[in-house]
Amino acid sequence: MPKGYIIGHIKVNDPEGYKAYITGDTPILHALGGRFIVRGGQSEHPEGDVPDGQRHVVIEFDSYEQAKKAYYDADYQEISLIRKATAESTLILVEGHDE
């Protein structure tokens, strides 16, 4: 069965406020089966336009359905209000490729 992913492209506007989101979302997503594969870190964009200061996040789940369930989880949606207030973000739910 293919894995599922939440992929985020995030430009943090309020770093201090955003810390509360990271502190709150991590235990929720871990409890829902998420594993952070990418969370910030160095990046470059050799092709296309990416806004300056944007960070990237990839969270892996055992299935696409599990990734969707995690994103739409009531506790996650509540904590996501902090992200929405402190950052500009694009989140994508993606089904992986099962070789």
C-alpha atoms as a PDB file:
ATOM      1  CA  MET A   1       0.000   0.000   0.000  1.00  0.00           C
ATOM      2  CA  PRO A   2       1.405   3.427  -0.917  1.00  0.00           C
ATOM      3  CA  LYS A   3       2.306   5.780   1.892  1.00  0.00           C
ATOM      4  CA  GLY A   4       0.610   9.150   2.314  1.00  0.00           C
ATOM      5  CA  TYR A   5       2.222  12.526   2.861  1.00  0.00           C
ATOM      6  CA  ILE A   6       1.401  15.992   4.059  1.00  0.00           C
ATOM      7  CA  ILE A   7       3.719  18.407   2.276  1.00  0.00           C
ATOM      8  CA  GLY A   8       3.909  21.979   3.487  1.00  0.00           C
ATOM      9  CA  HIS A   9       5.532  25.087   2.056  1.00  0.00           C
ATOM     10  CA  ILE A  10       5.535  27.689   4.801  1.00  0.00           C
ATOM     11  CA  LYS A  11       6.699  31.275   5.113  1.00  0.00           C
ATOM     12  CA  VAL A  12       6.800  32.161   8.795  1.00  0.00           C
ATOM     13  CA  ASN A  13       5.842  35.789   9.510  1.00  0.00           C
ATOM     14  CA  ASP A  14       5.906  35.556  13.322  1.00  0.00           C
ATOM     15  CA  PRO A  15       8.712  33.197  14.438  1.00  0.00           C
ATOM     16  CA  GLU A  16       7.893  33.494  18.143  1.00  0.00           C
ATOM     17  CA  GLY A  17       4.206  32.785  17.614  1.00  0.00           C
ATOM     18  CA  TYR A  18       4.983  29.946  15.197  1.00  0.00           C
ATOM     19  CA  LYS A  19       6.914  28.102  17.932  1.00  0.00           C
ATOM     20  CA  ALA A  20       3.591  27.427  19.671  1.00  0.00           C
ATOM     21  CA  TYR A  21       2.338  25.719  16.501  1.00  0.00           C
ATOM     22  CA  ILE A  22       5.401  23.458  16.306  1.00  0.00           C
ATOM     23  CA  THR A  23       5.093  22.582  19.987  1.00  0.00           C
ATOM     24  CA  GLY A  24       1.398  21.799  19.555  1.00  0.00           C
ATOM     25  CA  ASP A  25       1.294  20.038  16.194  1.00  0.00           C
ATOM     26  CA  THR A  26       4.167  17.613  16.763  1.00  0.00           C
ATOM     27  CA  PRO A  27       2.563  15.409  19.442  1.00  0.00           C
ATOM     28  CA  ILE A  28      -0.785  15.446  17.623  1.00  0.00           C
ATOM     29  CA  LEU A  29       0.691  14.344  14.305  1.00  0.00           C
ATOM     30  CA  HIS A  30       2.948  11.754  15.947  1.00  0.00           C
ATOM     31  CA  ALA A  31      -0.071  10.276  17.763  1.00  0.00           C
ATOM     32  CA  LEU A  32      -1.869  10.067  14.399  1.00  0.00           C
ATOM     33  CA  GLY A  33       1.014   8.085  12.881  1.00  0.00           C
ATOM     34  CA  GLY A  34       2.975  10.932  11.292  1.00  0.00           C
ATOM     35  CA  ARG A  35       6.750  10.887  10.879  1.00  0.00           C
ATOM     36  CA  PHE A  36       8.523  14.123  10.032  1.00  0.00           C
ATOM     37  CA  ILE A  37      10.795  13.382   7.054  1.00  0.00           C
ATOM     38  CA  VAL A  38      11.622  17.047   6.336  1.00  0.00           C
ATOM     39  CA  ARG A  39      11.100  19.923   8.738  1.00  0.00           C
ATOM     40  CA  GLY A  40      12.821  23.124   7.750  1.00  0.00           C
ATOM     41  CA  GLY A  41      16.528  22.660   7.190  1.00  0.00           C
ATOM     42  CA  GLN A  42      18.651  23.770   4.288  1.00  0.00           C
ATOM     43  CA  SER A  43      17.077  23.946   0.863  1.00  0.00           C
ATOM     44  CA  GLU A  44      17.635  25.479  -2.513  1.00  0.00           C
ATOM     45  CA  HIS A  45      15.397  25.859  -5.518  1.00  0.00           C
ATOM     46  CA  PRO A  46      17.334  25.441  -8.757  1.00  0.00           C
ATOM     47  CA  GLU A  47      14.115  25.714 -10.790  1.00  0.00           C
ATOM     48  CA  GLY A  48      10.916  27.711 -10.380  1.00  0.00           C
ATOM     49  CA  ASP A  49       9.893  30.466  -7.999  1.00  0.00           C
ATOM     50  CA  VAL A  50       9.904  29.908  -4.266  1.00  0.00           C
ATOM     51  CA  PRO A  51       9.333  32.879  -1.958  1.00  0.00           C
ATOM     52  CA  ASP A  52      12.332  33.902   0.134  1.00  0.00           C
ATOM     53  CA  GLY A  53      12.282  32.522   3.633  1.00  0.00           C
ATOM     54  CA  GLN A  54       9.975  29.639   2.824  1.00  0.00           C
ATOM     55  CA  ARG A  55      10.491  26.418   4.786  1.00  0.00           C
ATOM     56  CA  HIS A  56       9.423  22.984   3.659  1.00  0.00           C
ATOM     57  CA  VAL A  57       7.873  20.144   5.635  1.00  0.00           C
ATOM     58  CA  VAL A  58       7.160  16.543   4.644  1.00  0.00           C
ATOM     59  CA  ILE A  59       5.238  14.297   7.031  1.00  0.00           C
ATOM     60  CA  GLU A  60       4.929  10.625   6.133  1.00  0.00           C
ATOM     61  CA  PHE A  61       2.013   8.345   7.054  1.00  0.00           C
ATOM     62  CA  ASP A  62       1.404   4.662   6.393  1.00  0.00           C
ATOM     63  CA  SER A  63      -1.330   5.514   3.862  1.00  0.00           C
ATOM     64  CA  TYR A  64      -2.962   8.389   2.018  1.00  0.00           C
ATOM     65  CA  GLU A  65      -6.131   7.866   4.066  1.00  0.00           C
ATOM     66  CA  GLN A  66      -4.119   8.197   7.285  1.00  0.00           C
ATOM     67  CA  ALA A  67      -2.571  11.467   6.038  1.00  0.00           C
ATOM     68  CA  LYS A  68      -6.043  12.817   5.237  1.00  0.00           C
ATOM     69  CA  LYS A  69      -7.384  11.699   8.615  1.00  0.00           C
ATOM     70  CA  ALA A  70      -4.500  13.476  10.374  1.00  0.00           C
ATOM     71  CA  TYR A  71      -4.974  16.731   8.455  1.00  0.00           C
ATOM     72  CA  TYR A  72      -8.727  16.833   9.098  1.00  0.00           C
ATOM     73  CA  ASP A  73      -8.402  15.724  12.747  1.00  0.00           C
ATOM     74  CA  ALA A  74     -10.212  18.175  15.056  1.00  0.00           C
ATOM     75  CA  ASP A  75      -7.201  18.622  17.374  1.00  0.00           C
ATOM     76  CA  TYR A  76      -4.893  19.294  14.435  1.00  0.00           C
ATOM     77  CA  GLN A  77      -7.353  21.743  12.886  1.00  0.00           C
ATOM     78  CA  GLU A  78      -7.507  23.622  16.180  1.00  0.00           C
ATOM     79  CA  ILE A  79      -3.726  23.940  16.497  1.00  0.00           C
ATOM     80  CA  SER A  80      -3.461  24.844  12.795  1.00  0.00           C
ATOM     81  CA  LEU A  81      -5.136  28.165  13.624  1.00  0.00           C
ATOM     82  CA  ILE A  82      -1.812  29.225  15.147  1.00  0.00           C
ATOM     83  CA  ARG A  83       0.002  28.383  11.895  1.00  0.00           C
ATOM     84  CA  LYS A  84      -2.586  30.276   9.903  1.00  0.00           C
ATOM     85  CA  ALA A  85      -2.144  33.334  12.154  1.00  0.00           C
ATOM     86  CA  THR A  86       1.666  33.287  12.149  1.00  0.00           C
ATOM     87  CA  ALA A  87       2.581  32.078   8.649  1.00  0.00           C
ATOM     88  CA  GLU A  88       1.547  31.884   5.019  1.00  0.00           C
ATOM     89  CA  SER A  89       1.300  28.251   4.040  1.00  0.00           C
ATOM     90  CA  THR A  90       0.390  25.817   1.327  1.00  0.00           C
ATOM     91  CA  LEU A  91      -0.329  22.264   2.449  1.00  0.00           C
ATOM     92  CA  ILE A  92      -0.733  19.371   0.051  1.00  0.00           C
ATOM     93  CA  LEU A  93      -1.969  15.846   0.730  1.00  0.00           C
ATOM     94  CA  VAL A  94      -0.223  13.361  -1.570  1.00  0.00           C
ATOM     95  CA  GLU A  95      -0.379   9.634  -2.127  1.00  0.00           C
ATOM     96  CA  GLY A  96       3.076   8.118  -2.536  1.00  0.00           C
ATOM     97  CA  HIS A  97       4.183   5.699  -5.204  1.00  0.00           C
ATOM     98  CA  ASP A  98       4.189   2.011  -4.345  1.00  0.00           C
ATOM     99  CA  GLU A  99       6.967   0.317  -6.317  1.00  0.00           C
END
